Amino acid sequence: MPRVTQTELANDLGVTKQAVHKAIAARRLELGEDGRLDLETSRVRWHETSRSSTVTAQRVADEGRPDYHLGRAIRETYLAKLARLEFEERSGKLVEAQKVQAQAFDAGRRIREHLITMGDRIAAQVAAEGDRAVCYQIIMAEVERALDELAPERPGKDPT
């Protein structure tokens, strides 16, 4: 019967070295006088005394067969994540990316249209003015009007 170290047993079982150490501390596995474990006896004792949640995906992949408990744990994890996403969506913390992209595109298009047509709307007024301060006021008034149309409920704006 081969004797192995804690690390070797952990690798064989597909668990962490800490899990093997805890099993030894809980007297579920026994160390020999040489500080090693009997491989076959330790495998049997491990499977008899360990909870199935300690099975790792690596062990399932190595054995080439699915494990019911691991599959169920994975399923429960995904169900919990879906429940959290649904909760966040319903509480308003989460929105659909496609809707946000469509709204951002629409907002960008409206801003572009306002900027492109701004020159046509105020060119004559600005050209007729010789005073730089008045030109500035005309331009800023038009920018303010365009912003009001794009976002009428802007924070900090006087509603009058």
Foldseek 3Di string as FASTA:
>chain_A
DDWAALCVLCVVQVAHSVVSVVCVVVVLFDADPVRTGDNVVSVVSCVVPDDPVRRDPVVCVVVVHDDPVVVVVVVVVVVVVVVVQVVCVVVVNDDDPVVVVVVVVVLVVLVVVLVVCLCVVCVVVLVPDPDPVVSVVSSVVSVVVSVCVSPVPDPPDDND
